[in-house]
Amino acid sequence: MGYPDALFDLCMYPLEAVALRARRRERIRRATGDVLEIGAGTGSNMIYYDPRRVRSLTLTDLSIGERLYERADLCRRSGLFDAGLRLTEADALDLPFASASFDTVAFTLVFCSVADQSAAFAELRRVLRPGGRLVFIEHVRPPGGAGRLSDALNPVWHAATRECNINRDTVDAIGRAGFAVDSLRVGGGGFLVDGDARREHSIYV
């Protein structure tokens, strides 16, 4: 993630309390079957998965941090997911899973940092079973003047964070990758979106 885990959680707390917690509760509980989470970070989503609906949970990140190991261990000791919980270091651009391995892919605040969104969404489509779903929360380029300001500030922001972009049109990228967006909520003046999307059988150009 590029930040010490505890510091990252502390910095995220205001946004978590104001905007993210309710969205995580609503979206992540929709995950069903064999679930893959991309960019699991410190494991903030883990408490929102419904073990009655999730058969297995695979959490991935470029580098698995101590906080995620601790939260995963707590879930195992409390009986959540039991042997169906695994942690894997993986890049969204080259996932180490067979095609059609998962029913749901979840991600929150990840695709602002992925180098090639199109390639990553193609990978998610590959590992999803036919009819599989994405559940997501992302910050995106807002419309109007705020969007133009995001464009102007993005080079400085990206250099400062070394990974994050504030002017991505992630919802459009999801659609172009062969997913039908079935539910979408826009908040924060257009800066924050959450939704779910279905893997279509064919990509129409």
C-alpha atoms as a PDB file:
ATOM      1  CA  MET A   1       0.000   0.000   0.000  1.00  0.00           C
ATOM      2  CA  GLY A   2       2.949   2.318   0.450  1.00  0.00           C
ATOM      3  CA  TYR A   3       1.976   3.473   3.965  1.00  0.00           C
ATOM      4  CA  PRO A   4       2.386   1.927   7.445  1.00  0.00           C
ATOM      5  CA  ASP A   5      -0.866   0.062   8.063  1.00  0.00           C
ATOM      6  CA  ALA A   6      -1.851   1.790  11.312  1.00  0.00           C
ATOM      7  CA  LEU A   7      -1.097   5.248   9.886  1.00  0.00           C
ATOM      8  CA  PHE A   8      -3.137   4.493   6.783  1.00  0.00           C
ATOM      9  CA  ASP A   9      -6.167   3.461   8.859  1.00  0.00           C
ATOM     10  CA  LEU A  10      -5.796   6.572  11.026  1.00  0.00           C
ATOM     11  CA  CYS A  11      -5.636   8.881   8.012  1.00  0.00           C
ATOM     12  CA  MET A  12      -8.657   7.176   6.459  1.00  0.00           C
ATOM     13  CA  TYR A  13     -10.785   7.361   9.613  1.00  0.00           C
ATOM     14  CA  PRO A  14     -12.603  10.666   8.838  1.00  0.00           C
ATOM     15  CA  LEU A  15     -13.557   9.509   5.332  1.00  0.00           C
ATOM     16  CA  GLU A  16     -14.453   6.083   6.730  1.00  0.00           C
ATOM     17  CA  ALA A  17     -16.808   7.569   9.321  1.00  0.00           C
ATOM     18  CA  VAL A  18     -18.452  10.094   7.006  1.00  0.00           C
ATOM     19  CA  ALA A  19     -18.780   8.201   3.741  1.00  0.00           C
ATOM     20  CA  LEU A  20     -17.247   4.755   3.467  1.00  0.00           C
ATOM     21  CA  ARG A  21     -18.585   2.707   6.371  1.00  0.00           C
ATOM     22  CA  ALA A  22     -22.223   2.755   5.242  1.00  0.00           C
ATOM     23  CA  ARG A  23     -21.222   2.032   1.666  1.00  0.00           C
ATOM     24  CA  ARG A  24     -19.054  -0.916   2.707  1.00  0.00           C
ATOM     25  CA  ARG A  25     -21.915  -2.298   4.790  1.00  0.00           C
ATOM     26  CA  GLU A  26     -24.339  -2.099   1.877  1.00  0.00           C
ATOM     27  CA  ARG A  27     -22.108  -3.249  -0.984  1.00  0.00           C
ATOM     28  CA  ILE A  28     -19.774  -5.817   0.529  1.00  0.00           C
ATOM     29  CA  ARG A  29     -22.612  -7.816   2.089  1.00  0.00           C
ATOM     30  CA  ARG A  30     -23.868  -8.455  -1.468  1.00  0.00           C
ATOM     31  CA  ALA A  31     -20.832 -10.612  -2.249  1.00  0.00           C
ATOM     32  CA  THR A  32     -21.784 -14.271  -2.663  1.00  0.00           C
ATOM     33  CA  GLY A  33     -20.203 -17.647  -3.395  1.00  0.00           C
ATOM     34  CA  ASP A  34     -16.462 -17.790  -3.997  1.00  0.00           C
ATOM     35  CA  VAL A  35     -15.292 -14.208  -3.478  1.00  0.00           C
ATOM     36  CA  LEU A  36     -12.081 -12.490  -4.574  1.00  0.00           C
ATOM     37  CA  GLU A  37     -11.118  -9.102  -3.158  1.00  0.00           C
ATOM     38  CA  ILE A  38      -8.608  -7.015  -5.092  1.00  0.00           C
ATOM     39  CA  GLY A  39      -6.396  -4.600  -3.152  1.00  0.00           C
ATOM     40  CA  ALA A  40      -7.551  -5.736   0.277  1.00  0.00           C
ATOM     41  CA  GLY A  41      -5.164  -3.308   1.993  1.00  0.00           C
ATOM     42  CA  THR A  42      -5.562  -3.430   5.771  1.00  0.00           C
ATOM     43  CA  GLY A  43      -8.697  -5.593   5.576  1.00  0.00           C
ATOM     44  CA  SER A  44     -11.307  -2.912   6.215  1.00  0.00           C
ATOM     45  CA  ASN A  45     -13.945  -4.844   4.266  1.00  0.00           C
ATOM     46  CA  MET A  46     -13.593  -8.118   6.147  1.00  0.00           C
ATOM     47  CA  ILE A  47     -16.217  -7.492   8.831  1.00  0.00           C
ATOM     48  CA  TYR A  48     -18.840  -6.695   6.194  1.00  0.00           C
ATOM     49  CA  TYR A  49     -18.767 -10.014   4.321  1.00  0.00           C
ATOM     50  CA  ASP A  50     -21.698 -12.257   5.212  1.00  0.00           C
ATOM     51  CA  PRO A  51     -20.317 -15.741   6.031  1.00  0.00           C
ATOM     52  CA  ARG A  52     -23.758 -17.220   5.341  1.00  0.00           C
ATOM     53  CA  ARG A  53     -23.509 -16.049   1.729  1.00  0.00           C
ATOM     54  CA  VAL A  54     -19.762 -16.406   1.133  1.00  0.00           C
ATOM     55  CA  ARG A  55     -18.381 -19.896   0.501  1.00  0.00           C
ATOM     56  CA  SER A  56     -14.727 -18.829   0.297  1.00  0.00           C
ATOM     57  CA  LEU A  57     -12.901 -15.503   0.545  1.00  0.00           C
ATOM     58  CA  THR A  58      -9.581 -14.787  -1.184  1.00  0.00           C
ATOM     59  CA  LEU A  59      -7.945 -11.479  -0.256  1.00  0.00           C
ATOM     60  CA  THR A  60      -5.194 -10.115  -2.499  1.00  0.00           C
ATOM     61  CA  ASP A  61      -2.825  -7.163  -2.480  1.00  0.00           C
ATOM     62  CA  LEU A  62       0.537  -6.364  -4.023  1.00  0.00           C
ATOM     63  CA  SER A  63       2.004  -6.808  -0.551  1.00  0.00           C
ATOM     64  CA  ILE A  64       0.172  -8.369   2.392  1.00  0.00           C
ATOM     65  CA  GLY A  65       0.668  -6.202   5.483  1.00  0.00           C
ATOM     66  CA  GLU A  66       0.663  -7.070   9.169  1.00  0.00           C
ATOM     67  CA  ARG A  67      -2.764  -5.512   9.759  1.00  0.00           C
ATOM     68  CA  LEU A  68      -4.402  -7.751   7.170  1.00  0.00           C
ATOM     69  CA  TYR A  69      -2.756 -10.858   8.638  1.00  0.00           C
ATOM     70  CA  GLU A  70      -4.038  -9.866  12.088  1.00  0.00           C
ATOM     71  CA  ARG A  71      -7.600  -9.304  10.902  1.00  0.00           C
ATOM     72  CA  ALA A  72      -7.604 -12.551   8.927  1.00  0.00           C
ATOM     73  CA  ASP A  73      -6.344 -14.454  11.963  1.00  0.00           C
ATOM     74  CA  LEU A  74      -9.083 -12.908  14.112  1.00  0.00           C
ATOM     75  CA  CYS A  75     -11.719 -13.993  11.594  1.00  0.00           C
ATOM     76  CA  ARG A  76     -10.356 -17.534  11.568  1.00  0.00           C
ATOM     77  CA  ARG A  77     -10.259 -17.755  15.377  1.00  0.00           C
ATOM     78  CA  SER A  78     -13.815 -16.456  15.613  1.00  0.00           C
ATOM     79  CA  GLY A  79     -14.982 -19.115  13.162  1.00  0.00           C
ATOM     80  CA  LEU A  80     -15.747 -16.793  10.252  1.00  0.00           C
ATOM     81  CA  PHE A  81     -14.985 -18.458   6.909  1.00  0.00           C
ATOM     82  CA  ASP A  82     -12.925 -21.164   8.667  1.00  0.00           C
ATOM     83  CA  ALA A  83     -10.654 -22.801   6.055  1.00  0.00           C
ATOM     84  CA  GLY A  84     -12.287 -20.790   3.257  1.00  0.00           C
ATOM     85  CA  LEU A  85     -10.168 -17.686   3.911  1.00  0.00           C
ATOM     86  CA  ARG A  86      -6.827 -17.179   2.172  1.00  0.00           C
ATOM     87  CA  LEU A  87      -4.400 -14.314   1.590  1.00  0.00           C
ATOM     88  CA  THR A  88      -2.461 -14.044  -1.667  1.00  0.00           C
ATOM     89  CA  GLU A  89       0.041 -11.484  -2.915  1.00  0.00           C
ATOM     90  CA  ALA A  90      -1.079 -10.714  -6.449  1.00  0.00           C
ATOM     91  CA  ASP A  91      -1.185  -7.982  -9.068  1.00  0.00           C
ATOM     92  CA  ALA A  92      -4.596  -7.188 -10.576  1.00  0.00           C
ATOM     93  CA  LEU A  93      -2.907  -7.121 -13.987  1.00  0.00           C
ATOM     94  CA  ASP A  94      -1.789 -10.754 -13.700  1.00  0.00           C
ATOM     95  CA  LEU A  95      -3.933 -12.741 -11.283  1.00  0.00           C
ATOM     96  CA  PRO A  96      -2.630 -16.213 -10.318  1.00  0.00           C
ATOM     97  CA  PHE A  97      -6.047 -17.867 -10.578  1.00  0.00           C
ATOM     98  CA  ALA A  98      -7.661 -20.093 -13.168  1.00  0.00           C
ATOM     99  CA  SER A  99     -10.362 -18.679 -15.397  1.00  0.00           C
ATOM    100  CA  ALA A 100     -13.922 -18.824 -14.034  1.00  0.00           C
ATOM    101  CA  SER A 101     -12.777 -19.308 -10.422  1.00  0.00           C
ATOM    102  CA  PHE A 102     -14.990 -16.778  -8.613  1.00  0.00           C
ATOM    103  CA  ASP A 103     -18.608 -15.694  -8.308  1.00  0.00           C
ATOM    104  CA  THR A 104     -17.885 -12.183  -6.993  1.00  0.00           C
ATOM    105  CA  VAL A 105     -14.955  -9.782  -7.206  1.00  0.00           C
ATOM    106  CA  ALA A 106     -14.916  -6.918  -4.697  1.00  0.00           C
ATOM    107  CA  PHE A 107     -12.705  -3.824  -4.626  1.00  0.00           C
ATOM    108  CA  THR A 108     -12.744  -0.504  -2.779  1.00  0.00           C
ATOM    109  CA  LEU A 109     -10.589   2.521  -3.621  1.00  0.00           C
ATOM    110  CA  VAL A 110      -8.259   0.425  -5.763  1.00  0.00           C
ATOM    111  CA  PHE A 111      -8.621   1.376  -9.417  1.00  0.00           C
ATOM    112  CA  CYS A 112      -7.381   4.922  -8.849  1.00  0.00           C
ATOM    113  CA  SER A 113      -3.960   3.291  -8.523  1.00  0.00           C
ATOM    114  CA  VAL A 114      -3.997   0.487 -11.104  1.00  0.00           C
ATOM    115  CA  ALA A 115      -1.638   1.312 -13.961  1.00  0.00           C
ATOM    116  CA  ASP A 116      -3.830  -0.140 -16.736  1.00  0.00           C
ATOM    117  CA  GLN A 117      -7.525  -0.238 -15.886  1.00  0.00           C
ATOM    118  CA  SER A 118      -8.550  -1.989 -19.106  1.00  0.00           C
ATOM    119  CA  ALA A 119      -6.078  -4.837 -18.604  1.00  0.00           C
ATOM    120  CA  ALA A 120      -7.045  -5.224 -14.952  1.00  0.00           C
ATOM    121  CA  PHE A 121     -10.770  -5.372 -15.678  1.00  0.00           C
ATOM    122  CA  ALA A 122     -10.075  -7.938 -18.403  1.00  0.00           C
ATOM    123  CA  GLU A 123      -8.365 -10.046 -15.724  1.00  0.00           C
ATOM    124  CA  LEU A 124     -11.350  -9.678 -13.390  1.00  0.00           C
ATOM    125  CA  ARG A 125     -13.660 -10.717 -16.200  1.00  0.00           C
ATOM    126  CA  ARG A 126     -11.454 -13.746 -16.888  1.00  0.00           C
ATOM    127  CA  VAL A 127     -11.492 -15.050 -13.310  1.00  0.00           C
ATOM    128  CA  LEU A 128     -15.235 -14.484 -12.879  1.00  0.00           C
ATOM    129  CA  ARG A 129     -17.690 -17.208 -13.747  1.00  0.00           C
ATOM    130  CA  PRO A 130     -20.413 -16.434 -16.318  1.00  0.00           C
ATOM    131  CA  GLY A 131     -22.938 -14.174 -14.634  1.00  0.00           C
ATOM    132  CA  GLY A 132     -20.430 -13.309 -11.893  1.00  0.00           C
ATOM    133  CA  ARG A 133     -20.512  -9.888 -10.284  1.00  0.00           C
ATOM    134  CA  LEU A 134     -18.351  -6.959  -9.284  1.00  0.00           C
ATOM    135  CA  VAL A 135     -19.112  -5.028  -6.095  1.00  0.00           C
ATOM    136  CA  PHE A 136     -17.158  -1.805  -5.756  1.00  0.00           C
ATOM    137  CA  ILE A 137     -16.559   1.553  -4.116  1.00  0.00           C
ATOM    138  CA  GLU A 138     -14.275   3.974  -5.956  1.00  0.00           C
ATOM    139  CA  HIS A 139     -13.377   7.632  -6.096  1.00  0.00           C
ATOM    140  CA  VAL A 140     -13.590   8.982  -9.640  1.00  0.00           C
ATOM    141  CA  ARG A 141     -13.361  12.136 -11.721  1.00  0.00           C
ATOM    142  CA  PRO A 142     -16.316  14.365 -10.772  1.00  0.00           C
ATOM    143  CA  PRO A 143     -18.286  16.212 -13.453  1.00  0.00           C
ATOM    144  CA  GLY A 144     -18.016  19.855 -14.471  1.00  0.00           C
ATOM    145  CA  GLY A 145     -15.548  22.295 -13.016  1.00  0.00           C
ATOM    146  CA  ALA A 146     -14.544  19.921 -10.236  1.00  0.00           C
ATOM    147  CA  GLY A 147     -13.499  17.430 -12.888  1.00  0.00           C
ATOM    148  CA  ARG A 148     -11.382  19.991 -14.690  1.00  0.00           C
ATOM    149  CA  LEU A 149      -9.774  20.897 -11.378  1.00  0.00           C
ATOM    150  CA  SER A 150      -9.061  17.202 -10.773  1.00  0.00           C
ATOM    151  CA  ASP A 151      -7.392  17.017 -14.179  1.00  0.00           C
ATOM    152  CA  ALA A 152      -5.193  20.001 -13.340  1.00  0.00           C
ATOM    153  CA  LEU A 153      -4.249  18.727  -9.889  1.00  0.00           C
ATOM    154  CA  ASN A 154      -3.762  15.082 -10.806  1.00  0.00           C
ATOM    155  CA  PRO A 155      -0.066  15.276 -11.843  1.00  0.00           C
ATOM    156  CA  VAL A 156       0.851  16.846  -8.497  1.00  0.00           C
ATOM    157  CA  TRP A 157      -1.394  14.472  -6.526  1.00  0.00           C
ATOM    158  CA  HIS A 158      -0.066  11.416  -8.336  1.00  0.00           C
ATOM    159  CA  ALA A 159       3.534  12.481  -7.732  1.00  0.00           C
ATOM    160  CA  ALA A 160       2.839  13.105  -4.042  1.00  0.00           C
ATOM    161  CA  THR A 161       1.055   9.786  -3.427  1.00  0.00           C
ATOM    162  CA  ARG A 162       3.186   7.816  -5.915  1.00  0.00           C
ATOM    163  CA  GLU A 163       0.145   5.806  -6.986  1.00  0.00           C
ATOM    164  CA  CYS A 164      -3.265   7.517  -6.757  1.00  0.00           C
ATOM    165  CA  ASN A 165      -5.119   9.334  -9.556  1.00  0.00           C
ATOM    166  CA  ILE A 166      -8.090  11.615  -8.891  1.00  0.00           C
ATOM    167  CA  ASN A 167      -9.426  11.869 -12.449  1.00  0.00           C
ATOM    168  CA  ARG A 168     -10.227   8.285 -13.445  1.00  0.00           C
ATOM    169  CA  ASP A 169     -13.551   7.383 -15.137  1.00  0.00           C
ATOM    170  CA  THR A 170     -13.664   3.941 -13.560  1.00  0.00           C
ATOM    171  CA  VAL A 171     -17.368   3.304 -14.160  1.00  0.00           C
ATOM    172  CA  ASP A 172     -16.882   3.805 -17.901  1.00  0.00           C
ATOM    173  CA  ALA A 173     -13.908   1.421 -17.809  1.00  0.00           C
ATOM    174  CA  ILE A 174     -16.081  -1.213 -16.121  1.00  0.00           C
ATOM    175  CA  GLY A 175     -18.654  -0.953 -18.909  1.00  0.00           C
ATOM    176  CA  ARG A 176     -16.046  -1.110 -21.677  1.00  0.00           C
ATOM    177  CA  ALA A 177     -14.598  -4.283 -20.143  1.00  0.00           C
ATOM    178  CA  GLY A 178     -17.808  -6.245 -20.703  1.00  0.00           C
ATOM    179  CA  PHE A 179     -19.769  -5.604 -17.512  1.00  0.00           C
ATOM    180  CA  ALA A 180     -23.322  -4.311 -17.178  1.00  0.00           C
ATOM    181  CA  VAL A 181     -23.626  -1.874 -14.279  1.00  0.00           C
ATOM    182  CA  ASP A 182     -26.869  -2.844 -12.546  1.00  0.00           C
ATOM    183  CA  SER A 183     -26.693  -0.491  -9.569  1.00  0.00           C
ATOM    184  CA  LEU A 184     -24.760   2.735  -9.079  1.00  0.00           C
ATOM    185  CA  ARG A 185     -24.842   5.433  -6.411  1.00  0.00           C
ATOM    186  CA  VAL A 186     -22.976   8.708  -6.815  1.00  0.00           C
ATOM    187  CA  GLY A 187     -22.028  10.852  -3.822  1.00  0.00           C
ATOM    188  CA  GLY A 188     -19.565  13.434  -2.629  1.00  0.00           C
ATOM    189  CA  GLY A 189     -20.319  15.832  -5.458  1.00  0.00           C
ATOM    190  CA  GLY A 190     -19.635  13.113  -8.020  1.00  0.00           C
ATOM    191  CA  PHE A 191     -16.296  12.181  -6.486  1.00  0.00           C
ATOM    192  CA  LEU A 192     -17.392   8.876  -4.894  1.00  0.00           C
ATOM    193  CA  VAL A 193     -19.308   5.998  -6.486  1.00  0.00           C
ATOM    194  CA  ASP A 194     -20.421   2.591  -5.292  1.00  0.00           C
ATOM    195  CA  GLY A 195     -22.237  -0.091  -7.214  1.00  0.00           C
ATOM    196  CA  ASP A 196     -22.376  -3.582  -8.599  1.00  0.00           C
ATOM    197  CA  ALA A 197     -21.976  -4.889 -12.121  1.00  0.00           C
ATOM    198  CA  ARG A 198     -22.651  -8.169 -13.897  1.00  0.00           C
ATOM    199  CA  ARG A 199     -20.267 -10.037 -16.193  1.00  0.00           C
ATOM    200  CA  GLU A 200     -21.861 -10.190 -19.625  1.00  0.00           C
ATOM    201  CA  HIS A 201     -21.343 -13.235 -21.800  1.00  0.00           C
ATOM    202  CA  SER A 202     -19.979 -11.238 -24.734  1.00  0.00           C
ATOM    203  CA  ILE A 203     -18.290  -7.891 -25.248  1.00  0.00           C
ATOM    204  CA  TYR A 204     -19.980  -5.806 -27.925  1.00  0.00           C
ATOM    205  CA  VAL A 205     -17.804  -3.266 -29.690  1.00  0.00           C
END
